[in-house]
Structure formats: structure tokens, C-alpha cells
Amino acid sequence: MPLNATRPLRRDRYDALADDVPAILHMGLGGQALGTALAALLFGDASPCGKLAETWPLRVEDCASHANFATHPRLVVYREALNVS
């Protein structure tokens, strides 16, 4: 199942789907070449080797911006300090 998301997702949001499909292919940050890349992967012309230019957190709390929204979902408090990248 192709999944197009521009950020890491919590696994519990799509774990139920994982039982019904043989694989989940996360196509994050694909840009204009997303369709071509997805077709190449689905038809076996390319292999999803898993090389990421980004660091993916293990938990939502591991994201630097999580502290900004921890107190209230509509209240943003800048707390990243030097963890800005």
C-alpha cells in the first residue's frame, strides 16, 4: 500500500491497515517525481533501499517541535532553543 505523507506518522494510526496489506511503502517528500518513482517501485524497476536524508523519530515526543504544542493543541510556545535544524 503506498502511503504519501510529508512527515513521520505514529504507527498506531495505520497498524490496523498493516494486517490487510503485504507491505506499506511510505513515499514521503517525493516532490514532482513521486508518481514516476512510485511506479518504478511498484513494477519492480527500482528497489526501495531505505536511504533517508532525514532523521525519523521513534516517538512523537522525540520531535523538537513537540514541546511547542505539549501544553495545548492551539497554543504554540517556542521551546526549541538550540535544537533548531
C-alpha atoms as a PDB file:
ATOM      1  CA  MET A   1       0.000   0.000   0.000  1.00  0.00           C
ATOM      2  CA  PRO A   2       1.557   3.344  -0.979  1.00  0.00           C
ATOM      3  CA  LEU A   3       1.385   5.946   1.766  1.00  0.00           C
ATOM      4  CA  ASN A   4       2.144   9.561   0.841  1.00  0.00           C
ATOM      5  CA  ALA A   5       2.916  11.672   3.911  1.00  0.00           C
ATOM      6  CA  THR A   6       5.390  14.510   4.316  1.00  0.00           C
ATOM      7  CA  ARG A   7       6.172  13.740   7.938  1.00  0.00           C
ATOM      8  CA  PRO A   8       6.654  10.711  10.171  1.00  0.00           C
ATOM      9  CA  LEU A   9       3.386   9.180  11.307  1.00  0.00           C
ATOM     10  CA  ARG A  10       2.528   7.409  14.520  1.00  0.00           C
ATOM     11  CA  ARG A  11       2.397   3.690  13.804  1.00  0.00           C
ATOM     12  CA  ASP A  12      -0.760   3.163  15.825  1.00  0.00           C
ATOM     13  CA  ARG A  13      -2.605   5.285  13.231  1.00  0.00           C
ATOM     14  CA  TYR A  14      -2.071   2.713  10.480  1.00  0.00           C
ATOM     15  CA  ASP A  15      -1.212  -0.549  12.268  1.00  0.00           C
ATOM     16  CA  ALA A  16      -4.723  -1.862  11.549  1.00  0.00           C
ATOM     17  CA  LEU A  17      -4.059  -1.442   7.818  1.00  0.00           C
ATOM     18  CA  ALA A  18      -0.790  -3.362   8.086  1.00  0.00           C
ATOM     19  CA  ASP A  19      -2.708  -6.574   8.823  1.00  0.00           C
ATOM     20  CA  ASP A  20      -4.551  -6.349   5.493  1.00  0.00           C
ATOM     21  CA  VAL A  21      -1.694  -5.492   3.097  1.00  0.00           C
ATOM     22  CA  PRO A  22       1.607  -7.263   2.339  1.00  0.00           C
ATOM     23  CA  ALA A  23       3.671  -4.046   2.589  1.00  0.00           C
ATOM     24  CA  ILE A  24       3.439  -0.335   3.326  1.00  0.00           C
ATOM     25  CA  LEU A  25       5.570   1.914   1.134  1.00  0.00           C
ATOM     26  CA  HIS A  26       5.977   5.358   2.696  1.00  0.00           C
ATOM     27  CA  MET A  27       6.622   7.864  -0.094  1.00  0.00           C
ATOM     28  CA  GLY A  28       7.455  10.961   1.958  1.00  0.00           C
ATOM     29  CA  LEU A  29       8.824  14.118   0.330  1.00  0.00           C
ATOM     30  CA  GLY A  30       8.565  12.705  -3.191  1.00  0.00           C
ATOM     31  CA  GLY A  31       8.096  16.017  -4.966  1.00  0.00           C
ATOM     32  CA  GLN A  32       7.310  16.137  -8.681  1.00  0.00           C
ATOM     33  CA  ALA A  33       8.971  12.760  -9.278  1.00  0.00           C
ATOM     34  CA  LEU A  34       6.716  10.939  -6.800  1.00  0.00           C
ATOM     35  CA  GLY A  35       4.478   9.331  -9.428  1.00  0.00           C
ATOM     36  CA  THR A  36       7.374   8.089 -11.546  1.00  0.00           C
ATOM     37  CA  ALA A  37       9.261   6.817  -8.507  1.00  0.00           C
ATOM     38  CA  LEU A  38       6.180   5.039  -7.155  1.00  0.00           C
ATOM     39  CA  ALA A  39       5.539   3.334 -10.500  1.00  0.00           C
ATOM     40  CA  ALA A  40       9.186   2.205 -10.691  1.00  0.00           C
ATOM     41  CA  LEU A  41       8.941   0.702  -7.201  1.00  0.00           C
ATOM     42  CA  LEU A  42       5.574  -0.990  -7.731  1.00  0.00           C
ATOM     43  CA  PHE A  43       6.601  -2.541 -11.062  1.00  0.00           C
ATOM     44  CA  GLY A  44       9.990  -3.726  -9.780  1.00  0.00           C
ATOM     45  CA  ASP A  45      12.148  -1.374 -11.872  1.00  0.00           C
ATOM     46  CA  ALA A  46      13.705   0.059  -8.677  1.00  0.00           C
ATOM     47  CA  SER A  47      14.276  -1.187  -5.152  1.00  0.00           C
ATOM     48  CA  PRO A  48      13.227   0.768  -2.042  1.00  0.00           C
ATOM     49  CA  CYS A  49      16.630   0.807  -0.357  1.00  0.00           C
ATOM     50  CA  GLY A  50      15.554   2.967   2.575  1.00  0.00           C
ATOM     51  CA  LYS A  51      18.201   5.690   2.373  1.00  0.00           C
ATOM     52  CA  LEU A  52      16.818   8.711   4.216  1.00  0.00           C
ATOM     53  CA  ALA A  53      18.079  12.262   4.177  1.00  0.00           C
ATOM     54  CA  GLU A  54      16.007  12.964   7.288  1.00  0.00           C
ATOM     55  CA  THR A  55      16.075  11.570  10.802  1.00  0.00           C
ATOM     56  CA  TRP A  56      12.849   9.864  11.814  1.00  0.00           C
ATOM     57  CA  PRO A  57      11.872   9.973  15.477  1.00  0.00           C
ATOM     58  CA  LEU A  58      10.929   6.862  17.407  1.00  0.00           C
ATOM     59  CA  ARG A  59       8.219   8.724  19.328  1.00  0.00           C
ATOM     60  CA  VAL A  60       6.248  11.926  18.759  1.00  0.00           C
ATOM     61  CA  GLU A  61       7.921  13.295  21.879  1.00  0.00           C
ATOM     62  CA  ASP A  62      11.319  12.958  20.144  1.00  0.00           C
ATOM     63  CA  CYS A  63      10.409  15.708  17.646  1.00  0.00           C
ATOM     64  CA  ALA A  64      11.924  19.044  18.625  1.00  0.00           C
ATOM     65  CA  SER A  65       8.655  20.832  17.878  1.00  0.00           C
ATOM     66  CA  HIS A  66       6.620  18.555  20.175  1.00  0.00           C
ATOM     67  CA  ALA A  67       7.361  20.782  23.177  1.00  0.00           C
ATOM     68  CA  ASN A  68       5.807  23.717  21.321  1.00  0.00           C
ATOM     69  CA  PHE A  69       2.386  22.046  21.353  1.00  0.00           C
ATOM     70  CA  ALA A  70       2.642  19.939  24.523  1.00  0.00           C
ATOM     71  CA  THR A  71       0.535  22.182  26.749  1.00  0.00           C
ATOM     72  CA  HIS A  72      -2.370  22.873  24.407  1.00  0.00           C
ATOM     73  CA  PRO A  73      -3.009  21.932  20.744  1.00  0.00           C
ATOM     74  CA  ARG A  74      -3.800  25.564  19.768  1.00  0.00           C
ATOM     75  CA  LEU A  75      -1.227  27.288  21.961  1.00  0.00           C
ATOM     76  CA  VAL A  76       2.274  27.457  20.475  1.00  0.00           C
ATOM     77  CA  VAL A  77       5.154  28.104  22.851  1.00  0.00           C
ATOM     78  CA  TYR A  78       8.605  28.338  21.279  1.00  0.00           C
ATOM     79  CA  ARG A  79      10.806  25.910  23.237  1.00  0.00           C
ATOM     80  CA  GLU A  80      13.244  24.507  20.668  1.00  0.00           C
ATOM     81  CA  ALA A  81      16.153  26.724  21.817  1.00  0.00           C
ATOM     82  CA  LEU A  82      19.290  25.354  20.128  1.00  0.00           C
ATOM     83  CA  ASN A  83      17.549  22.238  18.723  1.00  0.00           C
ATOM     84  CA  VAL A  84      16.549  24.052  15.532  1.00  0.00           C
ATOM     85  CA  SER A  85      17.770  22.376  12.377  1.00  0.00           C
END
